[in-house]
Amino acid sequence: MKNLIIAVFVFFITAQISAQDLSLTHTGNINHNQFYVDLVGKTAALNGNWGLFGGMKAGYNINPNVSIGLAALGMIPNHLGGSYINQDGRDTLHFGYGGVEASYKYNISKSFSFTGMMMIGAGRVDYKNLGGNDYFFIMEPGVSVNYMITEWFGLGASADYRFAAGVKYADFSDNSFSGWSTDLSFKFRF
């Protein structure tokens, strides 16, 4: 009886060990899209006017749904007319911000997804001729709709709200740099 119990025990242990994948290299479906770079064009409310921004986001996809990375955006200082923040005859405003961004993606289909994101970082503002500058806290939550055209390239449109805190430059306040924004991004996956 003792030999029978040992034989059954060895049989079950052997079956369990042989079922394990002991290889050090994985075979099968390997996701090569671990890194991403997004080129971003953004319009945003600034001090009762609007501004046009260009920038980039880059990071790492921790899993198919969660990503973490860095974002950097800078306002295009050209005088674009209308209600643009920089007007002819006024000092030119320079404004940029960036920080760490975390996002969660909800896949609707293989090509479409919704993304919720949060960027926390810092901003810098100065006038070209006035001199001096100011650094302040920025927090920007947002949502995005994304469409992947291929496995490595896609488009995204998002709406964000930028919170600014600690602004103490010229006649600006926290409300001057807090406001809604929309952006279009070109998404690259590697």
N, C-alpha and C. Protein backbone atom coordinates (compact mmCIF):
# COMPACT_ATOMS: atom_id res chain seq x y z
N MET A 1 0.82 -1.19 0.00
CA MET A 1 0.00 0.00 0.00
C MET A 1 0.86 1.26 0.00
N LYS A 2 1.96 1.19 0.76
CA LYS A 2 2.85 2.34 0.84
C LYS A 2 3.44 2.65 -0.53
N ASN A 3 3.83 1.62 -1.28
CA ASN A 3 4.40 1.81 -2.62
C ASN A 3 3.37 2.39 -3.59
N LEU A 4 2.10 1.99 -3.44
CA LEU A 4 1.04 2.52 -4.30
C LEU A 4 0.82 4.01 -4.05
N ILE A 5 0.82 4.44 -2.80
CA ILE A 5 0.65 5.86 -2.47
C ILE A 5 1.81 6.67 -3.03
N ILE A 6 3.03 6.17 -2.90
CA ILE A 6 4.20 6.88 -3.44
C ILE A 6 4.11 6.96 -4.96
N ALA A 7 3.69 5.89 -5.62
CA ALA A 7 3.58 5.88 -7.08
C ALA A 7 2.53 6.89 -7.56
N VAL A 8 1.37 6.94 -6.88
CA VAL A 8 0.32 7.91 -7.24
C VAL A 8 0.82 9.33 -7.01
N PHE A 9 1.49 9.58 -5.89
CA PHE A 9 2.04 10.90 -5.58
C PHE A 9 3.04 11.34 -6.65
N VAL A 10 3.97 10.46 -7.02
CA VAL A 10 4.97 10.77 -8.06
C VAL A 10 4.28 11.03 -9.39
N PHE A 11 3.24 10.27 -9.72
CA PHE A 11 2.52 10.46 -10.97
C PHE A 11 1.90 11.87 -11.04
N PHE A 12 1.24 12.28 -9.96
CA PHE A 12 0.60 13.60 -9.96
C PHE A 12 1.62 14.73 -9.97
N ILE A 13 2.71 14.60 -9.24
CA ILE A 13 3.76 15.62 -9.25
C ILE A 13 4.38 15.72 -10.63
N THR A 14 4.65 14.59 -11.27
CA THR A 14 5.24 14.59 -12.61
C THR A 14 4.30 15.25 -13.61
N ALA A 15 3.01 14.97 -13.51
CA ALA A 15 2.04 15.58 -14.42
C ALA A 15 1.99 17.09 -14.23
N GLN A 16 2.06 17.54 -12.98
CA GLN A 16 2.03 18.98 -12.71
C GLN A 16 3.28 19.68 -13.23
N ILE A 17 4.43 19.09 -13.02
CA ILE A 17 5.69 19.70 -13.46
C ILE A 17 5.76 19.74 -14.98
N SER A 18 5.31 18.69 -15.64
CA SER A 18 5.38 18.67 -17.11
C SER A 18 4.40 19.65 -17.73
N ALA A 19 3.38 20.08 -17.01
CA ALA A 19 2.41 21.04 -17.54
C ALA A 19 2.92 22.48 -17.45
N GLN A 20 3.97 22.72 -16.70
CA GLN A 20 4.49 24.07 -16.55
C GLN A 20 5.34 24.47 -17.74
N ASP A 21 5.31 25.77 -18.08
CA ASP A 21 6.16 26.32 -19.14
C ASP A 21 7.44 26.80 -18.48
N LEU A 22 8.51 26.05 -18.67
CA LEU A 22 9.78 26.38 -18.02
C LEU A 22 10.73 27.12 -18.94
N SER A 23 10.29 27.47 -20.14
CA SER A 23 11.18 28.14 -21.08
C SER A 23 11.46 29.57 -20.62
N LEU A 24 12.64 30.05 -20.90
CA LEU A 24 13.02 31.41 -20.54
C LEU A 24 12.64 32.41 -21.63
N THR A 25 12.32 31.93 -22.79
CA THR A 25 11.86 32.81 -23.87
C THR A 25 10.43 32.43 -24.20
N HIS A 26 9.58 33.45 -24.33
CA HIS A 26 8.17 33.19 -24.61
C HIS A 26 7.96 33.04 -26.10
N THR A 27 7.11 32.13 -26.46
CA THR A 27 6.74 31.95 -27.85
C THR A 27 5.27 32.29 -28.00
N GLY A 28 4.83 32.46 -29.22
CA GLY A 28 3.44 32.79 -29.44
C GLY A 28 3.26 34.26 -29.70
N ASN A 29 2.12 34.80 -29.29
CA ASN A 29 1.78 36.19 -29.56
C ASN A 29 2.56 37.13 -28.63
N ILE A 30 3.51 37.85 -29.19
CA ILE A 30 4.32 38.80 -28.43
C ILE A 30 3.90 40.20 -28.84
N ASN A 31 3.53 41.04 -27.88
CA ASN A 31 3.13 42.41 -28.17
C ASN A 31 4.37 43.29 -28.23
N HIS A 32 4.68 43.78 -29.42
CA HIS A 32 5.84 44.64 -29.60
C HIS A 32 5.53 46.11 -29.35
N ASN A 33 4.27 46.46 -29.12
CA ASN A 33 3.88 47.85 -28.95
C ASN A 33 3.96 48.27 -27.48
N GLN A 34 5.13 48.18 -26.90
CA GLN A 34 5.31 48.54 -25.50
C GLN A 34 5.56 50.03 -25.29
N PHE A 35 6.14 50.70 -26.27
CA PHE A 35 6.46 52.13 -26.15
C PHE A 35 5.58 52.93 -27.09
N TYR A 36 5.31 54.18 -26.71
CA TYR A 36 4.50 55.03 -27.57
C TYR A 36 5.08 56.44 -27.63
N VAL A 37 4.82 57.11 -28.74
CA VAL A 37 5.15 58.53 -28.94
C VAL A 37 3.94 59.15 -29.62
N ASP A 38 3.41 60.23 -29.05
CA ASP A 38 2.29 60.95 -29.64
C ASP A 38 2.73 62.36 -29.97
N LEU A 39 2.49 62.80 -31.20
CA LEU A 39 2.72 64.19 -31.59
C LEU A 39 1.39 64.91 -31.44
N VAL A 40 1.38 66.02 -30.69
CA VAL A 40 0.14 66.65 -30.25
C VAL A 40 0.04 68.08 -30.76
N GLY A 41 -1.14 68.43 -31.29
CA GLY A 41 -1.51 69.81 -31.59
C GLY A 41 -2.71 70.15 -30.73
N LYS A 42 -2.64 71.27 -29.98
CA LYS A 42 -3.67 71.56 -28.98
C LYS A 42 -4.10 73.01 -29.08
N THR A 43 -5.40 73.28 -28.92
CA THR A 43 -5.92 74.63 -28.73
C THR A 43 -6.44 74.70 -27.30
N ALA A 44 -6.17 75.83 -26.63
CA ALA A 44 -6.52 75.93 -25.22
C ALA A 44 -6.94 77.34 -24.86
N ALA A 45 -7.82 77.46 -23.86
CA ALA A 45 -8.22 78.75 -23.32
C ALA A 45 -7.08 79.32 -22.48
N LEU A 46 -6.76 80.60 -22.72
CA LEU A 46 -5.69 81.29 -21.98
C LEU A 46 -6.09 82.73 -21.69
N ASN A 47 -6.28 83.07 -20.43
CA ASN A 47 -6.52 84.44 -20.00
C ASN A 47 -7.66 85.10 -20.79
N GLY A 48 -8.73 84.38 -21.03
CA GLY A 48 -9.87 84.92 -21.77
C GLY A 48 -9.71 84.87 -23.27
N ASN A 49 -8.59 84.43 -23.77
CA ASN A 49 -8.33 84.28 -25.21
C ASN A 49 -8.06 82.81 -25.49
N TRP A 50 -7.31 82.52 -26.53
CA TRP A 50 -6.95 81.14 -26.84
C TRP A 50 -5.50 81.09 -27.29
N GLY A 51 -4.93 79.90 -27.19
CA GLY A 51 -3.55 79.67 -27.61
C GLY A 51 -3.44 78.36 -28.36
N LEU A 52 -2.47 78.29 -29.25
CA LEU A 52 -2.20 77.08 -30.02
C LEU A 52 -0.90 76.48 -29.50
N PHE A 53 -0.92 75.18 -29.20
CA PHE A 53 0.23 74.50 -28.61
C PHE A 53 0.68 73.36 -29.52
N GLY A 54 1.95 73.06 -29.46
CA GLY A 54 2.51 71.88 -30.08
C GLY A 54 3.29 71.12 -29.02
N GLY A 55 3.35 69.82 -29.14
CA GLY A 55 4.08 69.07 -28.13
C GLY A 55 4.17 67.60 -28.44
N MET A 56 4.63 66.87 -27.43
CA MET A 56 4.87 65.45 -27.60
C MET A 56 4.61 64.73 -26.28
N LYS A 57 4.14 63.50 -26.40
CA LYS A 57 3.98 62.60 -25.26
C LYS A 57 4.73 61.33 -25.60
N ALA A 58 5.43 60.77 -24.64
CA ALA A 58 6.16 59.53 -24.85
C ALA A 58 6.11 58.72 -23.56
N GLY A 59 6.06 57.40 -23.70
CA GLY A 59 6.00 56.59 -22.50
C GLY A 59 6.01 55.11 -22.78
N TYR A 60 5.58 54.37 -21.76
CA TYR A 60 5.63 52.91 -21.75
C TYR A 60 4.24 52.36 -21.42
N ASN A 61 3.81 51.37 -22.18
CA ASN A 61 2.55 50.67 -21.91
C ASN A 61 2.83 49.55 -20.91
N ILE A 62 2.42 49.73 -19.67
CA ILE A 62 2.66 48.74 -18.63
C ILE A 62 1.94 47.44 -18.96
N ASN A 63 0.71 47.54 -19.43
CA ASN A 63 -0.06 46.41 -19.93
C ASN A 63 -0.95 46.94 -21.05
N PRO A 64 -1.81 46.14 -21.66
CA PRO A 64 -2.61 46.66 -22.77
C PRO A 64 -3.52 47.84 -22.42
N ASN A 65 -3.79 48.07 -21.14
CA ASN A 65 -4.71 49.14 -20.74
C ASN A 65 -4.07 50.30 -20.00
N VAL A 66 -2.97 50.11 -19.32
CA VAL A 66 -2.38 51.13 -18.46
C VAL A 66 -1.04 51.60 -19.03
N SER A 67 -0.88 52.92 -19.10
CA SER A 67 0.35 53.52 -19.63
C SER A 67 0.84 54.60 -18.69
N ILE A 68 2.15 54.83 -18.69
CA ILE A 68 2.74 55.93 -17.94
C ILE A 68 3.82 56.55 -18.81
N GLY A 69 3.91 57.87 -18.76
CA GLY A 69 4.89 58.54 -19.62
C GLY A 69 5.07 59.99 -19.25
N LEU A 70 5.70 60.73 -20.16
CA LEU A 70 5.97 62.15 -19.98
C LEU A 70 5.27 62.93 -21.08
N ALA A 71 4.86 64.15 -20.76
CA ALA A 71 4.22 65.03 -21.74
C ALA A 71 4.89 66.40 -21.66
N ALA A 72 5.07 67.05 -22.81
CA ALA A 72 5.62 68.40 -22.87
C ALA A 72 4.92 69.16 -23.98
N LEU A 73 4.42 70.36 -23.66
CA LEU A 73 3.71 71.20 -24.62
C LEU A 73 4.20 72.63 -24.51
N GLY A 74 4.27 73.31 -25.64
CA GLY A 74 4.68 74.71 -25.66
C GLY A 74 3.76 75.51 -26.56
N MET A 75 3.44 76.73 -26.12
CA MET A 75 2.56 77.59 -26.91
C MET A 75 3.32 78.15 -28.11
N ILE A 76 2.66 78.17 -29.26
CA ILE A 76 3.24 78.77 -30.46
C ILE A 76 3.09 80.28 -30.32
N PRO A 77 4.20 81.03 -30.26
CA PRO A 77 4.12 82.45 -29.91
C PRO A 77 3.71 83.38 -31.06
N ASN A 78 3.50 82.86 -32.26
CA ASN A 78 3.16 83.72 -33.40
C ASN A 78 1.89 84.53 -33.14
N HIS A 79 1.76 85.67 -33.80
CA HIS A 79 0.56 86.50 -33.72
C HIS A 79 -0.43 85.96 -34.75
N LEU A 80 -1.42 85.20 -34.30
CA LEU A 80 -2.34 84.53 -35.22
C LEU A 80 -3.64 85.30 -35.43
N GLY A 81 -3.74 86.52 -34.88
CA GLY A 81 -4.91 87.36 -35.13
C GLY A 81 -6.12 86.95 -34.33
N GLY A 82 -7.23 87.68 -34.57
CA GLY A 82 -8.48 87.40 -33.88
C GLY A 82 -8.33 87.51 -32.38
N SER A 83 -8.82 86.51 -31.66
CA SER A 83 -8.73 86.53 -30.20
C SER A 83 -7.53 85.74 -29.69
N TYR A 84 -6.52 85.53 -30.55
CA TYR A 84 -5.32 84.80 -30.11
C TYR A 84 -4.63 85.59 -29.00
N ILE A 85 -4.05 84.90 -28.04
CA ILE A 85 -3.46 85.55 -26.86
C ILE A 85 -2.37 86.55 -27.23
N ASN A 86 -1.58 86.26 -28.24
CA ASN A 86 -0.52 87.20 -28.67
C ASN A 86 -1.05 88.04 -29.83
N GLN A 87 -1.09 89.35 -29.64
CA GLN A 87 -1.60 90.30 -30.63
C GLN A 87 -0.47 91.20 -31.10
N ASP A 88 -0.59 91.74 -32.31
CA ASP A 88 0.37 92.74 -32.79
C ASP A 88 0.32 93.95 -31.87
N GLY A 89 1.48 94.50 -31.57
CA GLY A 89 1.57 95.67 -30.70
C GLY A 89 1.65 95.35 -29.23
N ARG A 90 1.57 94.07 -28.84
CA ARG A 90 1.69 93.66 -27.44
C ARG A 90 2.96 92.85 -27.25
N ASP A 91 3.40 92.76 -26.00
CA ASP A 91 4.53 91.90 -25.67
C ASP A 91 4.14 90.44 -25.92
N THR A 92 5.07 89.63 -26.41
CA THR A 92 4.79 88.23 -26.76
C THR A 92 4.88 87.34 -25.53
N LEU A 93 3.81 86.59 -25.28
CA LEU A 93 3.75 85.66 -24.15
C LEU A 93 4.35 84.33 -24.55
N HIS A 94 5.20 83.78 -23.69
CA HIS A 94 5.74 82.42 -23.84
C HIS A 94 5.19 81.57 -22.70
N PHE A 95 4.63 80.42 -23.03
CA PHE A 95 4.04 79.55 -22.02
C PHE A 95 4.26 78.11 -22.43
N GLY A 96 4.77 77.31 -21.52
CA GLY A 96 4.96 75.89 -21.76
C GLY A 96 4.72 75.11 -20.48
N TYR A 97 4.38 73.85 -20.63
CA TYR A 97 4.18 73.01 -19.45
C TYR A 97 4.39 71.55 -19.81
N GLY A 98 4.56 70.74 -18.78
CA GLY A 98 4.77 69.32 -18.98
C GLY A 98 4.76 68.60 -17.65
N GLY A 99 4.87 67.28 -17.72
CA GLY A 99 4.88 66.50 -16.50
C GLY A 99 4.72 65.01 -16.77
N VAL A 100 4.37 64.30 -15.73
CA VAL A 100 4.16 62.85 -15.79
C VAL A 100 2.69 62.61 -16.12
N GLU A 101 2.45 61.68 -17.04
CA GLU A 101 1.07 61.38 -17.44
C GLU A 101 0.79 59.89 -17.27
N ALA A 102 -0.32 59.59 -16.62
CA ALA A 102 -0.79 58.21 -16.49
C ALA A 102 -2.13 58.11 -17.20
N SER A 103 -2.37 56.97 -17.86
CA SER A 103 -3.63 56.82 -18.60
C SER A 103 -4.15 55.39 -18.49
N TYR A 104 -5.47 55.29 -18.62
CA TYR A 104 -6.15 54.00 -18.66
C TYR A 104 -6.97 53.93 -19.94
N LYS A 105 -6.78 52.88 -20.73
CA LYS A 105 -7.45 52.73 -22.02
C LYS A 105 -8.53 51.65 -21.92
N TYR A 106 -9.72 51.98 -22.41
CA TYR A 106 -10.83 51.03 -22.49
C TYR A 106 -11.08 50.74 -23.97
N ASN A 107 -10.82 49.53 -24.41
CA ASN A 107 -10.97 49.15 -25.81
C ASN A 107 -12.43 48.88 -26.14
N ILE A 108 -12.93 49.61 -27.14
CA ILE A 108 -14.29 49.39 -27.64
C ILE A 108 -14.27 48.28 -28.68
N SER A 109 -13.27 48.33 -29.54
CA SER A 109 -13.05 47.30 -30.56
C SER A 109 -11.55 47.19 -30.77
N LYS A 110 -11.16 46.46 -31.78
CA LYS A 110 -9.73 46.31 -32.06
C LYS A 110 -9.09 47.65 -32.47
N SER A 111 -9.87 48.53 -33.10
CA SER A 111 -9.34 49.80 -33.60
C SER A 111 -9.71 51.00 -32.74
N PHE A 112 -10.88 51.00 -32.09
CA PHE A 112 -11.34 52.15 -31.32
C PHE A 112 -11.14 51.94 -29.82
N SER A 113 -10.81 53.04 -29.12
CA SER A 113 -10.69 52.97 -27.67
C SER A 113 -10.98 54.34 -27.06
N PHE A 114 -11.43 54.32 -25.81
CA PHE A 114 -11.55 55.52 -24.98
C PHE A 114 -10.39 55.50 -24.00
N THR A 115 -9.85 56.67 -23.69
CA THR A 115 -8.75 56.76 -22.74
C THR A 115 -9.04 57.86 -21.73
N GLY A 116 -8.84 57.56 -20.46
CA GLY A 116 -8.86 58.56 -19.41
C GLY A 116 -7.43 58.81 -18.99
N MET A 117 -7.05 60.09 -18.85
CA MET A 117 -5.65 60.39 -18.54
C MET A 117 -5.54 61.51 -17.51
N MET A 118 -4.39 61.54 -16.86
CA MET A 118 -4.09 62.57 -15.86
C MET A 118 -2.62 62.94 -15.99
N MET A 119 -2.37 64.24 -16.23
CA MET A 119 -1.00 64.75 -16.30
C MET A 119 -0.79 65.68 -15.11
N ILE A 120 0.30 65.47 -14.38
CA ILE A 120 0.67 66.32 -13.25
C ILE A 120 2.09 66.79 -13.47
N GLY A 121 2.29 68.11 -13.38
CA GLY A 121 3.63 68.63 -13.63
C GLY A 121 3.75 70.10 -13.30
N ALA A 122 4.52 70.80 -14.13
CA ALA A 122 4.82 72.21 -13.88
C ALA A 122 4.70 72.99 -15.18
N GLY A 123 4.46 74.29 -15.03
CA GLY A 123 4.40 75.19 -16.18
C GLY A 123 5.34 76.37 -15.96
N ARG A 124 5.68 77.05 -17.06
CA ARG A 124 6.54 78.24 -17.01
C ARG A 124 5.95 79.29 -17.93
N VAL A 125 5.94 80.53 -17.46
CA VAL A 125 5.41 81.63 -18.26
C VAL A 125 6.37 82.81 -18.19
N ASP A 126 6.49 83.54 -19.30
CA ASP A 126 7.24 84.80 -19.33
C ASP A 126 6.80 85.62 -20.52
N TYR A 127 7.10 86.92 -20.46
CA TYR A 127 6.92 87.81 -21.59
C TYR A 127 8.27 88.04 -22.23
N LYS A 128 8.28 88.23 -23.55
CA LYS A 128 9.53 88.42 -24.28
C LYS A 128 10.28 89.65 -23.81
N ASN A 129 9.60 90.78 -23.63
CA ASN A 129 10.28 92.04 -23.29
C ASN A 129 10.20 92.41 -21.82
N LEU A 130 9.20 91.96 -21.09
CA LEU A 130 9.02 92.35 -19.69
C LEU A 130 10.12 91.82 -18.80
N GLY A 131 10.63 90.63 -19.08
CA GLY A 131 11.65 90.03 -18.22
C GLY A 131 11.02 89.26 -17.08
N GLY A 132 11.84 88.47 -16.42
CA GLY A 132 11.36 87.63 -15.34
C GLY A 132 10.56 86.46 -15.87
N ASN A 133 10.17 85.56 -14.97
CA ASN A 133 9.34 84.41 -15.34
C ASN A 133 8.73 83.83 -14.08
N ASP A 134 7.88 82.86 -14.25
CA ASP A 134 7.26 82.20 -13.10
C ASP A 134 7.05 80.73 -13.42
N TYR A 135 7.27 79.89 -12.42
CA TYR A 135 7.00 78.45 -12.51
C TYR A 135 5.81 78.16 -11.60
N PHE A 136 4.95 77.24 -12.02
CA PHE A 136 3.77 76.94 -11.23
C PHE A 136 3.32 75.51 -11.48
N PHE A 137 2.41 75.04 -10.62
CA PHE A 137 1.89 73.67 -10.66
C PHE A 137 0.81 73.55 -11.73
N ILE A 138 0.83 72.42 -12.46
CA ILE A 138 -0.19 72.13 -13.48
C ILE A 138 -0.74 70.72 -13.24
N MET A 139 -2.06 70.59 -13.34
CA MET A 139 -2.72 69.28 -13.33
C MET A 139 -3.74 69.29 -14.46
N GLU A 140 -3.70 68.27 -15.32
CA GLU A 140 -4.58 68.26 -16.49
C GLU A 140 -5.22 66.89 -16.69
N PRO A 141 -6.46 66.69 -16.18
CA PRO A 141 -7.19 65.47 -16.48
C PRO A 141 -7.86 65.59 -17.85
N GLY A 142 -8.10 64.45 -18.50
CA GLY A 142 -8.75 64.50 -19.80
C GLY A 142 -9.27 63.15 -20.25
N VAL A 143 -10.03 63.18 -21.33
CA VAL A 143 -10.54 61.97 -21.97
C VAL A 143 -10.23 62.04 -23.46
N SER A 144 -10.06 60.87 -24.06
CA SER A 144 -9.65 60.81 -25.46
C SER A 144 -10.39 59.69 -26.18
N VAL A 145 -10.67 59.91 -27.46
CA VAL A 145 -11.18 58.87 -28.35
C VAL A 145 -10.06 58.59 -29.34
N ASN A 146 -9.68 57.32 -29.48
CA ASN A 146 -8.54 56.95 -30.32
C ASN A 146 -8.97 55.96 -31.39
N TYR A 147 -8.35 56.09 -32.55
CA TYR A 147 -8.57 55.16 -33.66
C TYR A 147 -7.22 54.73 -34.19
N MET A 148 -6.92 53.44 -34.09
CA MET A 148 -5.66 52.91 -34.61
C MET A 148 -5.87 52.47 -36.05
N ILE A 149 -5.18 53.14 -36.98
CA ILE A 149 -5.28 52.84 -38.40
C ILE A 149 -4.53 51.56 -38.72
N THR A 150 -3.34 51.43 -38.18
CA THR A 150 -2.56 50.20 -38.28
C THR A 150 -2.17 49.80 -36.87
N GLU A 151 -1.42 48.73 -36.73
CA GLU A 151 -0.98 48.29 -35.41
C GLU A 151 -0.04 49.30 -34.75
N TRP A 152 0.66 50.09 -35.55
CA TRP A 152 1.67 51.01 -35.01
C TRP A 152 1.34 52.49 -35.20
N PHE A 153 0.24 52.85 -35.89
CA PHE A 153 -0.10 54.25 -36.13
C PHE A 153 -1.59 54.49 -35.96
N GLY A 154 -1.93 55.62 -35.31
CA GLY A 154 -3.33 55.97 -35.11
C GLY A 154 -3.53 57.45 -34.89
N LEU A 155 -4.79 57.84 -34.69
CA LEU A 155 -5.18 59.22 -34.43
C LEU A 155 -5.98 59.27 -33.14
N GLY A 156 -5.89 60.41 -32.44
CA GLY A 156 -6.66 60.59 -31.23
C GLY A 156 -7.17 62.01 -31.12
N ALA A 157 -8.36 62.18 -30.55
CA ALA A 157 -8.93 63.50 -30.28
C ALA A 157 -9.31 63.51 -28.81
N SER A 158 -8.95 64.59 -28.11
CA SER A 158 -9.23 64.60 -26.67
C SER A 158 -9.72 65.96 -26.20
N ALA A 159 -10.35 65.95 -25.04
CA ALA A 159 -10.77 67.15 -24.34
C ALA A 159 -10.16 67.08 -22.94
N ASP A 160 -9.57 68.20 -22.50
CA ASP A 160 -8.87 68.25 -21.22
C ASP A 160 -9.28 69.52 -20.48
N TYR A 161 -9.03 69.52 -19.18
CA TYR A 161 -9.16 70.74 -18.40
C TYR A 161 -7.87 70.94 -17.63
N ARG A 162 -7.22 72.06 -17.82
CA ARG A 162 -5.94 72.35 -17.18
C ARG A 162 -6.18 73.19 -15.93
N PHE A 163 -5.70 72.69 -14.78
CA PHE A 163 -5.71 73.44 -13.52
C PHE A 163 -4.31 74.00 -13.30
N ALA A 164 -4.21 75.29 -13.04
CA ALA A 164 -2.92 75.91 -12.72
C ALA A 164 -3.00 76.48 -11.31
N ALA A 165 -1.94 76.34 -10.54
CA ALA A 165 -1.90 76.85 -9.17
C ALA A 165 -0.52 77.45 -8.90
N GLY A 166 -0.51 78.61 -8.26
CA GLY A 166 0.75 79.26 -7.89
C GLY A 166 1.26 80.26 -8.91
N VAL A 167 0.38 80.75 -9.79
CA VAL A 167 0.80 81.73 -10.81
C VAL A 167 0.94 83.10 -10.16
N LYS A 168 2.14 83.67 -10.27
CA LYS A 168 2.41 85.01 -9.73
C LYS A 168 3.33 85.74 -10.70
N TYR A 169 2.81 86.10 -11.86
CA TYR A 169 3.63 86.78 -12.86
C TYR A 169 2.78 87.84 -13.55
N ALA A 170 3.33 89.04 -13.64
CA ALA A 170 2.66 90.19 -14.27
C ALA A 170 1.25 90.30 -13.69
N ASP A 171 0.26 90.41 -14.55
CA ASP A 171 -1.13 90.53 -14.08
C ASP A 171 -1.89 89.21 -14.18
N PHE A 172 -1.18 88.09 -14.25
CA PHE A 172 -1.82 86.78 -14.38
C PHE A 172 -2.17 86.18 -13.02
N SER A 173 -3.20 85.34 -13.02
CA SER A 173 -3.59 84.59 -11.82
C SER A 173 -3.72 83.12 -12.21
N ASP A 174 -4.09 82.28 -11.24
CA ASP A 174 -4.30 80.86 -11.52
C ASP A 174 -5.35 80.66 -12.62
N ASN A 175 -6.41 81.48 -12.59
CA ASN A 175 -7.47 81.37 -13.59
C ASN A 175 -7.00 81.71 -15.00
N SER A 176 -5.93 82.49 -15.12
CA SER A 176 -5.43 82.88 -16.44
C SER A 176 -4.96 81.67 -17.24
N PHE A 177 -4.41 80.66 -16.57
CA PHE A 177 -3.87 79.49 -17.25
C PHE A 177 -4.67 78.22 -17.00
N SER A 178 -5.78 78.33 -16.29
CA SER A 178 -6.69 77.21 -16.11
C SER A 178 -7.77 77.31 -17.18
N GLY A 179 -8.15 76.19 -17.76
CA GLY A 179 -9.21 76.23 -18.77
C GLY A 179 -9.27 74.98 -19.61
N TRP A 180 -10.28 74.94 -20.46
CA TRP A 180 -10.53 73.80 -21.35
C TRP A 180 -9.58 73.82 -22.53
N SER A 181 -9.31 72.63 -23.04
CA SER A 181 -8.50 72.51 -24.25
C SER A 181 -8.94 71.27 -25.03
N THR A 182 -8.66 71.30 -26.31
CA THR A 182 -8.89 70.14 -27.17
C THR A 182 -7.62 69.87 -27.93
N ASP A 183 -7.39 68.62 -28.27
CA ASP A 183 -6.19 68.33 -29.05
C ASP A 183 -6.41 67.20 -30.03
N LEU A 184 -5.57 67.19 -31.03
CA LEU A 184 -5.49 66.13 -32.03
C LEU A 184 -4.10 65.55 -31.93
N SER A 185 -3.99 64.24 -31.87
CA SER A 185 -2.67 63.62 -31.74
C SER A 185 -2.47 62.53 -32.78
N PHE A 186 -1.24 62.44 -33.23
CA PHE A 186 -0.79 61.36 -34.11
C PHE A 186 -0.05 60.37 -33.23
N LYS A 187 -0.52 59.13 -33.19
CA LYS A 187 -0.04 58.13 -32.24
C LYS A 187 0.84 57.11 -32.94
N PHE A 188 2.03 56.90 -32.38
CA PHE A 188 2.96 55.91 -32.90
C PHE A 188 3.26 54.90 -31.79
N ARG A 189 3.23 53.61 -32.12
CA ARG A 189 3.50 52.54 -31.16
C ARG A 189 4.71 51.74 -31.63
N PHE A 190 5.59 51.41 -30.70
CA PHE A 190 6.82 50.67 -31.03
C PHE A 190 6.90 49.39 -30.22
